[in-house]
PDB file of N, CA and C in Angstrom:
ATOM      1  N   UNK A   1     -48.299 -73.276 -70.156  1.00  0.00           N
ATOM      2  CA  UNK A   1     -48.045 -72.662 -68.726  1.00  0.00           C
ATOM      3  C   UNK A   1     -46.986 -71.702 -69.294  1.00  0.00           C
ATOM      4  N   UNK A   2     -46.903 -70.550 -68.781  1.00  0.00           N
ATOM      5  CA  UNK A   2     -46.073 -69.610 -68.763  1.00  0.00           C
ATOM      6  C   UNK A   2     -45.244 -69.500 -67.456  1.00  0.00           C
ATOM      7  N   UNK A   3     -43.808 -69.218 -67.468  1.00  0.00           N
ATOM      8  CA  UNK A   3     -42.748 -68.946 -66.559  1.00  0.00           C
ATOM      9  C   UNK A   3     -42.123 -67.518 -66.568  1.00  0.00           C
ATOM     10  N   UNK A   4     -41.947 -66.825 -65.879  1.00  0.00           N
ATOM     11  CA  UNK A   4     -41.105 -65.473 -65.866  1.00  0.00           C
ATOM     12  C   UNK A   4     -40.221 -65.841 -64.796  1.00  0.00           C
ATOM     13  N   UNK A   5     -39.026 -65.216 -64.735  1.00  0.00           N
ATOM     14  CA  UNK A   5     -37.917 -65.386 -63.891  1.00  0.00           C
ATOM     15  C   UNK A   5     -37.419 -64.309 -63.674  1.00  0.00           C
ATOM     16  N   UNK A   6     -37.112 -63.665 -62.286  1.00  0.00           N
ATOM     17  CA  UNK A   6     -36.345 -62.563 -61.921  1.00  0.00           C
ATOM     18  C   UNK A   6     -35.492 -63.025 -60.717  1.00  0.00           C
ATOM     19  N   UNK A   7     -34.268 -61.839 -60.676  1.00  0.00           N
ATOM     20  CA  UNK A   7     -33.977 -62.001 -59.326  1.00  0.00           C
ATOM     21  C   UNK A   7     -33.497 -60.537 -59.220  1.00  0.00           C
ATOM     22  N   UNK A   8     -33.585 -60.126 -57.813  1.00  0.00           N
ATOM     23  CA  UNK A   8     -33.110 -58.826 -57.203  1.00  0.00           C
ATOM     24  C   UNK A   8     -33.875 -57.547 -58.075  1.00  0.00           C
ATOM     25  N   UNK A   9     -34.907 -57.634 -58.688  1.00  0.00           N
ATOM     26  CA  UNK A   9     -36.002 -56.799 -59.383  1.00  0.00           C
ATOM     27  C   UNK A   9     -35.184 -56.728 -60.661  1.00  0.00           C
ATOM     28  N   UNK A  10     -34.664 -57.681 -61.293  1.00  0.00           N
ATOM     29  CA  UNK A  10     -34.431 -58.046 -62.562  1.00  0.00           C
ATOM     30  C   UNK A  10     -35.036 -58.985 -63.282  1.00  0.00           C
ATOM     31  N   UNK A  11     -35.362 -58.625 -64.395  1.00  0.00           N
ATOM     32  CA  UNK A  11     -36.441 -59.646 -65.240  1.00  0.00           C
ATOM     33  C   UNK A  11     -34.925 -60.592 -65.913  1.00  0.00           C
ATOM     34  N   UNK A  12     -35.224 -62.135 -65.951  1.00  0.00           N
ATOM     35  CA  UNK A  12     -34.256 -62.906 -66.884  1.00  0.00           C
ATOM     36  C   UNK A  12     -34.775 -62.820 -67.899  1.00  0.00           C
ATOM     37  N   UNK A  13     -34.070 -62.469 -68.936  1.00  0.00           N
ATOM     38  CA  UNK A  13     -34.727 -62.379 -70.386  1.00  0.00           C
ATOM     39  C   UNK A  13     -33.941 -63.618 -71.324  1.00  0.00           C
ATOM     40  N   UNK A  14     -32.620 -63.891 -71.001  1.00  0.00           N
ATOM     41  CA  UNK A  14     -32.198 -65.077 -71.557  1.00  0.00           C
ATOM     42  C   UNK A  14     -31.222 -65.528 -70.720  1.00  0.00           C
ATOM     43  N   UNK A  15     -31.423 -66.870 -70.891  1.00  0.00           N
ATOM     44  CA  UNK A  15     -30.466 -67.741 -70.045  1.00  0.00           C
ATOM     45  C   UNK A  15     -29.696 -68.787 -70.800  1.00  0.00           C
ATOM     46  N   UNK A  16     -28.689 -69.392 -70.595  1.00  0.00           N
ATOM     47  CA  UNK A  16     -28.461 -70.512 -71.119  1.00  0.00           C
ATOM     48  C   UNK A  16     -26.923 -70.853 -71.293  1.00  0.00           C
ATOM     49  N   UNK A  17     -26.464 -72.002 -72.105  1.00  0.00           N
ATOM     50  CA  UNK A  17     -24.996 -72.361 -71.901  1.00  0.00           C
ATOM     51  C   UNK A  17     -24.793 -72.793 -73.436  1.00  0.00           C
ATOM     52  N   UNK A  18     -23.332 -72.543 -73.930  1.00  0.00           N
ATOM     53  CA  UNK A  18     -22.988 -72.719 -75.128  1.00  0.00           C
ATOM     54  C   UNK A  18     -21.540 -73.695 -74.990  1.00  0.00           C
ATOM     55  N   UNK A  19     -21.033 -74.462 -75.812  1.00  0.00           N
ATOM     56  CA  UNK A  19     -19.933 -74.828 -76.064  1.00  0.00           C
ATOM     57  C   UNK A  19     -19.518 -74.137 -76.994  1.00  0.00           C
ATOM     58  N   UNK A  20     -18.034 -73.338 -76.806  1.00  0.00           N
ATOM     59  CA  UNK A  20     -17.694 -72.635 -78.185  1.00  0.00           C
ATOM     60  C   UNK A  20     -17.203 -73.685 -79.121  1.00  0.00           C
ATOM     61  N   UNK A  21     -17.067 -73.315 -80.344  1.00  0.00           N
ATOM     62  CA  UNK A  21     -16.256 -74.381 -81.210  1.00  0.00           C
ATOM     63  C   UNK A  21     -14.975 -74.721 -80.981  1.00  0.00           C
ATOM     64  N   UNK A  22     -14.169 -73.728 -80.575  1.00  0.00           N
ATOM     65  CA  UNK A  22     -12.653 -74.483 -79.870  1.00  0.00           C
ATOM     66  C   UNK A  22     -12.163 -73.337 -78.514  1.00  0.00           C
ATOM     67  N   UNK A  23     -11.198 -73.747 -78.051  1.00  0.00           N
ATOM     68  CA  UNK A  23     -10.609 -72.715 -77.111  1.00  0.00           C
ATOM     69  C   UNK A  23     -10.263 -71.383 -77.335  1.00  0.00           C
ATOM     70  N   UNK A  24     -10.305 -71.062 -78.741  1.00  0.00           N
ATOM     71  CA  UNK A  24      -9.850 -69.650 -79.200  1.00  0.00           C
ATOM     72  C   UNK A  24     -11.102 -69.184 -79.739  1.00  0.00           C
ATOM     73  N   UNK A  25     -12.033 -69.724 -79.570  1.00  0.00           N
ATOM     74  CA  UNK A  25     -13.245 -68.978 -80.611  1.00  0.00           C
ATOM     75  C   UNK A  25     -13.929 -67.992 -79.560  1.00  0.00           C
ATOM     76  N   UNK A  26     -14.546 -66.818 -80.407  1.00  0.00           N
ATOM     77  CA  UNK A  26     -15.195 -66.144 -79.770  1.00  0.00           C
ATOM     78  C   UNK A  26     -17.049 -66.236 -79.522  1.00  0.00           C
ATOM     79  N   UNK A  27     -17.463 -65.710 -78.733  1.00  0.00           N
ATOM     80  CA  UNK A  27     -18.944 -65.840 -78.603  1.00  0.00           C
ATOM     81  C   UNK A  27     -19.430 -64.716 -78.836  1.00  0.00           C
ATOM     82  N   UNK A  28     -20.315 -64.560 -79.980  1.00  0.00           N
ATOM     83  CA  UNK A  28     -20.993 -63.685 -80.876  1.00  0.00           C
ATOM     84  C   UNK A  28     -22.473 -63.523 -80.296  1.00  0.00           C
ATOM     85  N   UNK A  29     -23.087 -62.450 -79.933  1.00  0.00           N
ATOM     86  CA  UNK A  29     -24.504 -62.172 -79.499  1.00  0.00           C
ATOM     87  C   UNK A  29     -24.906 -61.272 -80.310  1.00  0.00           C
ATOM     88  N   UNK A  30     -25.837 -61.436 -80.890  1.00  0.00           N
ATOM     89  CA  UNK A  30     -26.741 -60.106 -81.892  1.00  0.00           C
ATOM     90  C   UNK A  30     -28.050 -59.604 -81.040  1.00  0.00           C
ATOM     91  N   UNK A  31     -28.130 -58.717 -80.565  1.00  0.00           N
ATOM     92  CA  UNK A  31     -29.289 -58.649 -79.838  1.00  0.00           C
ATOM     93  C   UNK A  31     -30.358 -57.303 -80.915  1.00  0.00           C
ATOM     94  N   UNK A  32     -31.176 -57.848 -80.933  1.00  0.00           N
ATOM     95  CA  UNK A  32     -32.397 -56.835 -81.358  1.00  0.00           C
ATOM     96  C   UNK A  32     -33.375 -56.437 -80.189  1.00  0.00           C
ATOM     97  N   UNK A  33     -33.126 -55.239 -79.572  1.00  0.00           N
ATOM     98  CA  UNK A  33     -33.712 -54.455 -78.527  1.00  0.00           C
ATOM     99  C   UNK A  33     -35.020 -53.980 -78.887  1.00  0.00           C
ATOM    100  N   UNK A  34     -35.140 -53.676 -80.322  1.00  0.00           N
ATOM    101  CA  UNK A  34     -36.270 -52.938 -80.830  1.00  0.00           C
ATOM    102  C   UNK A  34     -36.007 -52.812 -82.321  1.00  0.00           C
ATOM    103  N   UNK A  35     -37.141 -52.501 -83.003  1.00  0.00           N
ATOM    104  CA  UNK A  35     -37.030 -52.265 -84.837  1.00  0.00           C
ATOM    105  C   UNK A  35     -35.790 -51.310 -84.872  1.00  0.00           C
ATOM    106  N   UNK A  36     -35.627 -50.295 -83.741  1.00  0.00           N
ATOM    107  CA  UNK A  36     -34.737 -49.022 -83.987  1.00  0.00           C
ATOM    108  C   UNK A  36     -33.093 -49.453 -83.305  1.00  0.00           C
ATOM    109  N   UNK A  37     -33.144 -50.253 -82.498  1.00  0.00           N
ATOM    110  CA  UNK A  37     -31.638 -50.387 -81.585  1.00  0.00           C
ATOM    111  C   UNK A  37     -31.236 -51.968 -81.593  1.00  0.00           C
ATOM    112  N   UNK A  38     -30.528 -52.004 -82.524  1.00  0.00           N
ATOM    113  CA  UNK A  38     -29.890 -53.480 -82.391  1.00  0.00           C
ATOM    114  C   UNK A  38     -28.224 -53.289 -82.283  1.00  0.00           C
ATOM    115  N   UNK A  39     -27.585 -54.210 -81.576  1.00  0.00           N
ATOM    116  CA  UNK A  39     -26.496 -54.297 -81.140  1.00  0.00           C
ATOM    117  C   UNK A  39     -25.514 -55.550 -81.116  1.00  0.00           C
ATOM    118  N   UNK A  40     -24.354 -55.674 -81.120  1.00  0.00           N
ATOM    119  CA  UNK A  40     -23.582 -56.785 -81.217  1.00  0.00           C
ATOM    120  C   UNK A  40     -22.818 -56.872 -79.674  1.00  0.00           C
ATOM    121  N   UNK A  41     -22.764 -57.961 -79.104  1.00  0.00           N
ATOM    122  CA  UNK A  41     -21.698 -58.525 -78.276  1.00  0.00           C
ATOM    123  C   UNK A  41     -20.846 -59.415 -78.613  1.00  0.00           C
ATOM    124  N   UNK A  42     -19.529 -59.018 -78.317  1.00  0.00           N
ATOM    125  CA  UNK A  42     -18.381 -59.922 -78.782  1.00  0.00           C
ATOM    126  C   UNK A  42     -17.816 -60.461 -77.509  1.00  0.00           C
ATOM    127  N   UNK A  43     -17.484 -61.567 -77.041  1.00  0.00           N
ATOM    128  CA  UNK A  43     -16.791 -62.059 -75.898  1.00  0.00           C
ATOM    129  C   UNK A  43     -15.790 -63.037 -76.642  1.00  0.00           C
ATOM    130  N   UNK A  44     -14.481 -62.269 -76.200  1.00  0.00           N
ATOM    131  CA  UNK A  44     -13.308 -62.727 -76.552  1.00  0.00           C
ATOM    132  C   UNK A  44     -12.439 -63.413 -75.497  1.00  0.00           C
ATOM    133  N   UNK A  45     -11.425 -64.071 -75.754  1.00  0.00           N
ATOM    134  CA  UNK A  45     -10.155 -64.686 -74.565  1.00  0.00           C
ATOM    135  C   UNK A  45      -9.204 -64.444 -74.744  1.00  0.00           C
ATOM    136  N   UNK A  46      -8.386 -63.948 -73.679  1.00  0.00           N
ATOM    137  CA  UNK A  46      -6.814 -63.839 -74.078  1.00  0.00           C
ATOM    138  C   UNK A  46      -6.241 -63.895 -72.708  1.00  0.00           C
ATOM    139  N   UNK A  47      -4.888 -64.333 -72.726  1.00  0.00           N
ATOM    140  CA  UNK A  47      -4.049 -64.750 -71.719  1.00  0.00           C
ATOM    141  C   UNK A  47      -2.809 -63.725 -71.666  1.00  0.00           C
ATOM    142  N   UNK A  48      -2.419 -63.236 -70.285  1.00  0.00           N
ATOM    143  CA  UNK A  48      -1.507 -62.535 -70.251  1.00  0.00           C
ATOM    144  C   UNK A  48      -1.063 -62.453 -68.707  1.00  0.00           C
ATOM    145  N   UNK A  49       0.211 -63.093 -68.598  1.00  0.00           N
ATOM    146  CA  UNK A  49       0.524 -63.570 -67.694  1.00  0.00           C
ATOM    147  C   UNK A  49       1.123 -62.343 -66.581  1.00  0.00           C
ATOM    148  N   UNK A  50       1.185 -60.986 -67.326  1.00  0.00           N
ATOM    149  CA  UNK A  50       1.620 -60.140 -66.420  1.00  0.00           C
ATOM    150  C   UNK A  50      -0.148 -59.290 -65.628  1.00  0.00           C
ATOM    151  N   UNK A  51      -1.201 -60.017 -66.078  1.00  0.00           N
ATOM    152  CA  UNK A  51      -2.352 -59.240 -65.474  1.00  0.00           C
ATOM    153  C   UNK A  51      -3.309 -60.189 -64.829  1.00  0.00           C
ATOM    154  N   UNK A  52      -3.678 -59.597 -63.712  1.00  0.00           N
ATOM    155  CA  UNK A  52      -5.000 -60.624 -62.978  1.00  0.00           C
ATOM    156  C   UNK A  52      -6.065 -60.912 -64.124  1.00  0.00           C
ATOM    157  N   UNK A  53      -6.795 -61.897 -63.425  1.00  0.00           N
ATOM    158  CA  UNK A  53      -8.016 -62.311 -64.197  1.00  0.00           C
ATOM    159  C   UNK A  53      -9.039 -60.926 -64.289  1.00  0.00           C
ATOM    160  N   UNK A  54      -9.708 -60.690 -64.980  1.00  0.00           N
ATOM    161  CA  UNK A  54     -10.608 -59.675 -65.433  1.00  0.00           C
ATOM    162  C   UNK A  54     -11.287 -59.764 -66.591  1.00  0.00           C
ATOM    163  N   UNK A  55     -12.233 -58.742 -66.778  1.00  0.00           N
ATOM    164  CA  UNK A  55     -12.902 -58.417 -68.145  1.00  0.00           C
ATOM    165  C   UNK A  55     -12.887 -56.893 -68.393  1.00  0.00           C
ATOM    166  N   UNK A  56     -12.347 -56.982 -69.765  1.00  0.00           N
ATOM    167  CA  UNK A  56     -12.283 -55.562 -70.161  1.00  0.00           C
ATOM    168  C   UNK A  56     -13.167 -55.227 -71.066  1.00  0.00           C
ATOM    169  N   UNK A  57     -13.784 -54.338 -70.852  1.00  0.00           N
ATOM    170  CA  UNK A  57     -15.301 -53.735 -71.801  1.00  0.00           C
ATOM    171  C   UNK A  57     -14.649 -52.752 -72.569  1.00  0.00           C
ATOM    172  N   UNK A  58     -15.059 -52.983 -73.962  1.00  0.00           N
ATOM    173  CA  UNK A  58     -14.736 -51.843 -74.840  1.00  0.00           C
ATOM    174  C   UNK A  58     -16.098 -51.525 -75.690  1.00  0.00           C
ATOM    175  N   UNK A  59     -16.354 -50.439 -76.105  1.00  0.00           N
ATOM    176  CA  UNK A  59     -17.664 -50.125 -76.607  1.00  0.00           C
ATOM    177  C   UNK A  59     -16.785 -49.790 -78.151  1.00  0.00           C
ATOM    178  N   UNK A  60     -17.397 -50.413 -79.126  1.00  0.00           N
ATOM    179  CA  UNK A  60     -16.830 -49.787 -80.561  1.00  0.00           C
ATOM    180  C   UNK A  60     -17.864 -49.424 -81.252  1.00  0.00           C
ATOM    181  N   UNK A  61     -17.505 -48.696 -82.226  1.00  0.00           N
ATOM    182  CA  UNK A  61     -18.473 -48.039 -83.273  1.00  0.00           C
ATOM    183  C   UNK A  61     -19.529 -49.055 -83.748  1.00  0.00           C
ATOM    184  N   UNK A  62     -20.625 -48.754 -84.423  1.00  0.00           N
ATOM    185  CA  UNK A  62     -21.300 -49.377 -85.035  1.00  0.00           C
ATOM    186  C   UNK A  62     -22.033 -50.163 -84.169  1.00  0.00           C
ATOM    187  N   UNK A  63     -22.324 -50.044 -82.883  1.00  0.00           N
ATOM    188  CA  UNK A  63     -23.104 -50.475 -82.237  1.00  0.00           C
ATOM    189  C   UNK A  63     -22.381 -51.869 -81.860  1.00  0.00           C
ATOM    190  N   UNK A  64     -21.313 -51.963 -81.334  1.00  0.00           N
ATOM    191  CA  UNK A  64     -20.700 -53.003 -80.538  1.00  0.00           C
ATOM    192  C   UNK A  64     -20.122 -53.066 -79.615  1.00  0.00           C
ATOM    193  N   UNK A  65     -20.192 -53.798 -78.625  1.00  0.00           N
ATOM    194  CA  UNK A  65     -19.699 -54.063 -77.680  1.00  0.00           C
ATOM    195  C   UNK A  65     -18.936 -55.439 -77.042  1.00  0.00           C
ATOM    196  N   UNK A  66     -17.557 -55.124 -77.052  1.00  0.00           N
ATOM    197  CA  UNK A  66     -16.471 -56.273 -76.871  1.00  0.00           C
ATOM    198  C   UNK A  66     -16.180 -56.472 -75.622  1.00  0.00           C
ATOM    199  N   UNK A  67     -16.317 -57.748 -75.022  1.00  0.00           N
ATOM    200  CA  UNK A  67     -15.622 -57.957 -73.853  1.00  0.00           C
ATOM    201  C   UNK A  67     -14.528 -59.061 -73.662  1.00  0.00           C
ATOM    202  N   UNK A  68     -13.436 -58.670 -73.404  1.00  0.00           N
ATOM    203  CA  UNK A  68     -12.147 -59.525 -73.374  1.00  0.00           C
ATOM    204  C   UNK A  68     -12.033 -60.201 -72.123  1.00  0.00           C
ATOM    205  N   UNK A  69     -11.941 -61.373 -71.962  1.00  0.00           N
ATOM    206  CA  UNK A  69     -12.050 -62.088 -70.939  1.00  0.00           C
ATOM    207  C   UNK A  69     -10.336 -62.368 -70.610  1.00  0.00           C
ATOM    208  N   UNK A  70      -9.700 -62.040 -69.423  1.00  0.00           N
ATOM    209  CA  UNK A  70      -8.454 -62.009 -69.697  1.00  0.00           C
ATOM    210  C   UNK A  70      -8.061 -63.238 -68.627  1.00  0.00           C
ATOM    211  N   UNK A  71      -7.372 -63.994 -69.075  1.00  0.00           N
ATOM    212  CA  UNK A  71      -6.960 -65.259 -67.877  1.00  0.00           C
ATOM    213  C   UNK A  71      -7.983 -66.056 -67.496  1.00  0.00           C
ATOM    214  N   UNK A  72      -8.970 -66.310 -68.477  1.00  0.00           N
ATOM    215  CA  UNK A  72     -10.060 -67.151 -68.304  1.00  0.00           C
ATOM    216  C   UNK A  72      -9.435 -68.735 -68.291  1.00  0.00           C
ATOM    217  N   UNK A  73      -8.583 -69.307 -67.667  1.00  0.00           N
ATOM    218  CA  UNK A  73      -8.236 -70.443 -68.056  1.00  0.00           C
ATOM    219  C   UNK A  73      -8.387 -71.725 -67.121  1.00  0.00           C
ATOM    220  N   UNK A  74      -9.732 -71.806 -66.387  1.00  0.00           N
ATOM    221  CA  UNK A  74      -9.724 -72.490 -65.248  1.00  0.00           C
ATOM    222  C   UNK A  74     -10.945 -73.820 -65.347  1.00  0.00           C
ATOM    223  N   UNK A  75     -10.616 -74.859 -65.103  1.00  0.00           N
ATOM    224  CA  UNK A  75     -11.578 -75.817 -65.512  1.00  0.00           C
ATOM    225  C   UNK A  75     -12.655 -75.768 -64.449  1.00  0.00           C
ATOM    226  N   UNK A  76     -12.541 -75.131 -63.100  1.00  0.00           N
ATOM    227  CA  UNK A  76     -13.787 -75.038 -62.230  1.00  0.00           C
ATOM    228  C   UNK A  76     -14.323 -73.764 -62.671  1.00  0.00           C
ATOM    229  N   UNK A  77     -13.947 -72.876 -63.591  1.00  0.00           N
ATOM    230  CA  UNK A  77     -14.912 -71.602 -63.978  1.00  0.00           C
ATOM    231  C   UNK A  77     -14.358 -70.265 -63.598  1.00  0.00           C
ATOM    232  N   UNK A  78     -14.727 -69.578 -64.474  1.00  0.00           N
ATOM    233  CA  UNK A  78     -14.166 -68.074 -64.064  1.00  0.00           C
ATOM    234  C   UNK A  78     -15.364 -67.361 -64.504  1.00  0.00           C
ATOM    235  N   UNK A  79     -15.401 -66.157 -63.775  1.00  0.00           N
ATOM    236  CA  UNK A  79     -16.681 -65.122 -64.420  1.00  0.00           C
ATOM    237  C   UNK A  79     -16.946 -64.258 -63.501  1.00  0.00           C
ATOM    238  N   UNK A  80     -18.148 -63.785 -63.896  1.00  0.00           N
ATOM    239  CA  UNK A  80     -18.728 -62.363 -63.106  1.00  0.00           C
ATOM    240  C   UNK A  80     -19.300 -62.489 -61.756  1.00  0.00           C
ATOM    241  N   UNK A  81     -18.969 -62.076 -60.622  1.00  0.00           N
ATOM    242  CA  UNK A  81     -19.682 -62.205 -59.230  1.00  0.00           C
ATOM    243  C   UNK A  81     -20.893 -61.543 -59.010  1.00  0.00           C
ATOM    244  N   UNK A  82     -20.683 -60.663 -59.778  1.00  0.00           N
ATOM    245  CA  UNK A  82     -21.981 -59.354 -59.821  1.00  0.00           C
ATOM    246  C   UNK A  82     -22.080 -59.153 -61.713  1.00  0.00           C
ATOM    247  N   UNK A  83     -23.328 -58.863 -61.920  1.00  0.00           N
ATOM    248  CA  UNK A  83     -23.791 -58.882 -63.618  1.00  0.00           C
ATOM    249  C   UNK A  83     -23.013 -57.443 -63.736  1.00  0.00           C
ATOM    250  N   UNK A  84     -22.609 -57.346 -65.388  1.00  0.00           N
ATOM    251  CA  UNK A  84     -21.719 -56.478 -65.794  1.00  0.00           C
ATOM    252  C   UNK A  84     -22.777 -55.574 -66.728  1.00  0.00           C
ATOM    253  N   UNK A  85     -23.346 -54.442 -66.695  1.00  0.00           N
ATOM    254  CA  UNK A  85     -24.139 -53.798 -67.412  1.00  0.00           C
ATOM    255  C   UNK A  85     -23.243 -53.496 -69.062  1.00  0.00           C
ATOM    256  N   UNK A  86     -24.323 -53.746 -69.708  1.00  0.00           N
ATOM    257  CA  UNK A  86     -24.042 -53.911 -71.258  1.00  0.00           C
ATOM    258  C   UNK A  86     -24.580 -52.907 -71.901  1.00  0.00           C
ATOM    259  N   UNK A  87     -25.838 -52.675 -71.736  1.00  0.00           N
ATOM    260  CA  UNK A  87     -26.672 -51.340 -72.284  1.00  0.00           C
ATOM    261  C   UNK A  87     -27.654 -50.929 -71.858  1.00  0.00           C
ATOM    262  N   UNK A  88     -28.258 -49.783 -72.230  1.00  0.00           N
ATOM    263  CA  UNK A  88     -29.511 -48.993 -71.698  1.00  0.00           C
ATOM    264  C   UNK A  88     -30.396 -49.163 -72.633  1.00  0.00           C
ATOM    265  N   UNK A  89     -31.633 -49.927 -72.541  1.00  0.00           N
ATOM    266  CA  UNK A  89     -32.511 -50.039 -73.366  1.00  0.00           C
ATOM    267  C   UNK A  89     -33.942 -49.469 -72.868  1.00  0.00           C
ATOM    268  N   UNK A  90     -34.378 -48.656 -73.679  1.00  0.00           N
ATOM    269  CA  UNK A  90     -35.646 -47.767 -73.276  1.00  0.00           C
ATOM    270  C   UNK A  90     -35.728 -47.387 -71.659  1.00  0.00           C
ATOM    271  N   UNK A  91     -34.545 -46.899 -71.249  1.00  0.00           N
ATOM    272  CA  UNK A  91     -34.269 -46.730 -69.966  1.00  0.00           C
ATOM    273  C   UNK A  91     -34.110 -47.544 -69.032  1.00  0.00           C
ATOM    274  N   UNK A  92     -33.802 -49.000 -69.192  1.00  0.00           N
ATOM    275  CA  UNK A  92     -33.830 -49.947 -68.623  1.00  0.00           C
ATOM    276  C   UNK A  92     -32.271 -50.366 -68.807  1.00  0.00           C
ATOM    277  N   UNK A  93     -31.534 -51.109 -67.659  1.00  0.00           N
ATOM    278  CA  UNK A  93     -30.321 -51.478 -68.074  1.00  0.00           C
ATOM    279  C   UNK A  93     -30.467 -52.885 -68.179  1.00  0.00           C
ATOM    280  N   UNK A  94     -29.482 -53.292 -69.305  1.00  0.00           N
ATOM    281  CA  UNK A  94     -29.498 -54.647 -69.734  1.00  0.00           C
ATOM    282  C   UNK A  94     -27.986 -55.247 -69.062  1.00  0.00           C
ATOM    283  N   UNK A  95     -28.100 -55.965 -68.334  1.00  0.00           N
ATOM    284  CA  UNK A  95     -26.868 -56.655 -67.525  1.00  0.00           C
ATOM    285  C   UNK A  95     -26.439 -58.291 -67.900  1.00  0.00           C
ATOM    286  N   UNK A  96     -25.259 -58.535 -67.969  1.00  0.00           N
ATOM    287  CA  UNK A  96     -24.931 -59.903 -68.039  1.00  0.00           C
ATOM    288  C   UNK A  96     -24.129 -60.294 -66.978  1.00  0.00           C
ATOM    289  N   UNK A  97     -24.289 -61.762 -66.787  1.00  0.00           N
ATOM    290  CA  UNK A  97     -23.256 -62.648 -65.953  1.00  0.00           C
ATOM    291  C   UNK A  97     -22.972 -63.622 -66.931  1.00  0.00           C
ATOM    292  N   UNK A  98     -21.902 -63.987 -66.394  1.00  0.00           N
ATOM    293  CA  UNK A  98     -21.155 -64.956 -67.707  1.00  0.00           C
ATOM    294  C   UNK A  98     -20.067 -65.899 -66.885  1.00  0.00           C
ATOM    295  N   UNK A  99     -19.956 -67.213 -66.934  1.00  0.00           N
ATOM    296  CA  UNK A  99     -19.309 -68.012 -66.002  1.00  0.00           C
ATOM    297  C   UNK A  99     -18.668 -69.180 -67.341  1.00  0.00           C
ATOM    298  N   UNK A 100     -17.314 -68.911 -67.370  1.00  0.00           N
ATOM    299  CA  UNK A 100     -16.617 -69.927 -68.518  1.00  0.00           C
ATOM    300  C   UNK A 100     -15.714 -70.896 -67.613  1.00  0.00           C
ATOM    301  N   UNK A 101     -16.043 -72.223 -68.207  1.00  0.00           N
ATOM    302  CA  UNK A 101     -15.365 -73.506 -67.978  1.00  0.00           C
ATOM    303  C   UNK A 101     -14.375 -73.792 -69.347  1.00  0.00           C
ATOM    304  N   UNK A 102     -12.930 -74.073 -68.938  1.00  0.00           N
ATOM    305  CA  UNK A 102     -12.124 -74.795 -69.924  1.00  0.00           C
ATOM    306  C   UNK A 102     -12.654 -75.945 -69.965  1.00  0.00           C
ATOM    307  N   UNK A 103     -12.760 -76.569 -71.054  1.00  0.00           N
ATOM    308  CA  UNK A 103     -12.985 -78.268 -71.425  1.00  0.00           C
ATOM    309  C   UNK A 103     -11.459 -78.747 -71.516  1.00  0.00           C
ATOM    310  N   UNK A 104     -11.367 -80.095 -71.029  1.00  0.00           N
ATOM    311  CA  UNK A 104     -10.076 -80.795 -71.647  1.00  0.00           C
ATOM    312  C   UNK A 104      -8.759 -80.120 -71.054  1.00  0.00           C
ATOM    313  N   UNK A 105      -7.724 -80.454 -71.906  1.00  0.00           N
ATOM    314  CA  UNK A 105      -6.750 -79.840 -71.769  1.00  0.00           C
ATOM    315  C   UNK A 105      -6.613 -78.594 -72.799  1.00  0.00           C
ATOM    316  N   UNK A 106      -7.190 -77.674 -72.247  1.00  0.00           N
ATOM    317  CA  UNK A 106      -7.512 -76.331 -73.030  1.00  0.00           C
ATOM    318  C   UNK A 106      -7.633 -76.636 -74.456  1.00  0.00           C
ATOM    319  N   UNK A 107      -8.950 -77.460 -74.647  1.00  0.00           N
ATOM    320  CA  UNK A 107      -9.446 -77.721 -75.846  1.00  0.00           C
ATOM    321  C   UNK A 107     -10.572 -77.178 -76.242  1.00  0.00           C
ATOM    322  N   UNK A 108     -11.303 -76.745 -75.402  1.00  0.00           N
ATOM    323  CA  UNK A 108     -12.595 -75.960 -75.779  1.00  0.00           C
ATOM    324  C   UNK A 108     -13.163 -75.068 -74.453  1.00  0.00           C
ATOM    325  N   UNK A 109     -14.384 -74.600 -74.551  1.00  0.00           N
ATOM    326  CA  UNK A 109     -14.967 -73.747 -73.263  1.00  0.00           C
ATOM    327  C   UNK A 109     -16.381 -73.879 -73.422  1.00  0.00           C
ATOM    328  N   UNK A 110     -16.877 -74.149 -72.180  1.00  0.00           N
ATOM    329  CA  UNK A 110     -18.289 -73.914 -72.202  1.00  0.00           C
ATOM    330  C   UNK A 110     -18.384 -72.665 -71.375  1.00  0.00           C
ATOM    331  N   UNK A 111     -19.476 -71.794 -72.063  1.00  0.00           N
ATOM    332  CA  UNK A 111     -19.897 -70.351 -71.441  1.00  0.00           C
ATOM    333  C   UNK A 111     -21.380 -70.615 -71.010  1.00  0.00           C
ATOM    334  N   UNK A 112     -21.586 -70.356 -69.724  1.00  0.00           N
ATOM    335  CA  UNK A 112     -23.033 -69.984 -69.344  1.00  0.00           C
ATOM    336  C   UNK A 112     -23.161 -68.668 -69.069  1.00  0.00           C
ATOM    337  N   UNK A 113     -24.345 -68.226 -69.480  1.00  0.00           N
ATOM    338  CA  UNK A 113     -25.033 -66.972 -69.484  1.00  0.00           C
ATOM    339  C   UNK A 113     -26.141 -66.525 -69.054  1.00  0.00           C
ATOM    340  N   UNK A 114     -26.507 -65.446 -68.143  1.00  0.00           N
ATOM    341  CA  UNK A 114     -27.803 -64.906 -68.161  1.00  0.00           C
ATOM    342  C   UNK A 114     -28.039 -63.458 -68.336  1.00  0.00           C
ATOM    343  N   UNK A 115     -28.945 -63.070 -69.186  1.00  0.00           N
ATOM    344  CA  UNK A 115     -28.982 -61.394 -69.532  1.00  0.00           C
ATOM    345  C   UNK A 115     -30.344 -61.144 -68.570  1.00  0.00           C
ATOM    346  N   UNK A 116     -29.912 -59.841 -67.817  1.00  0.00           N
ATOM    347  CA  UNK A 116     -31.123 -59.340 -66.656  1.00  0.00           C
ATOM    348  C   UNK A 116     -31.357 -58.133 -67.433  1.00  0.00           C
ATOM    349  N   UNK A 117     -32.661 -57.534 -67.202  1.00  0.00           N
ATOM    350  CA  UNK A 117     -33.304 -56.362 -67.723  1.00  0.00           C
ATOM    351  C   UNK A 117     -33.834 -55.880 -66.209  1.00  0.00           C
ATOM    352  N   UNK A 118     -33.502 -54.441 -66.061  1.00  0.00           N
ATOM    353  CA  UNK A 118     -34.261 -53.996 -64.768  1.00  0.00           C
ATOM    354  C   UNK A 118     -35.738 -53.879 -65.200  1.00  0.00           C
ATOM    355  N   UNK A 119     -36.426 -54.444 -63.935  1.00  0.00           N
ATOM    356  CA  UNK A 119     -37.871 -54.308 -64.019  1.00  0.00           C
ATOM    357  C   UNK A 119     -38.355 -52.987 -63.892  1.00  0.00           C
TER     358      UNK A 119
END
């Protein structure tokens, strides 16, 4: 049996959850889009009392995208309301939805993710 999932004309290409090693750990995803195009996504977390909750997106040389989640410290979860564009692969946008929960008394994080590709 084979299942294919989509939402709003976007194919769900990967979805899941991961419990990070500890509260300060990064989440690293290596994407092999084709034989000729590979890149890395690094999701980091930081706290800044002077800023609102948001995600800073930085493109770093050597095919790396860094997403810095600022003030993601809620046990009920924090994340994207709409998917974020991560890359363009063969003319189609690759988007990412993520939601992050703090575990315990700031002892860990659970991250839920969905990668979507334009159909």
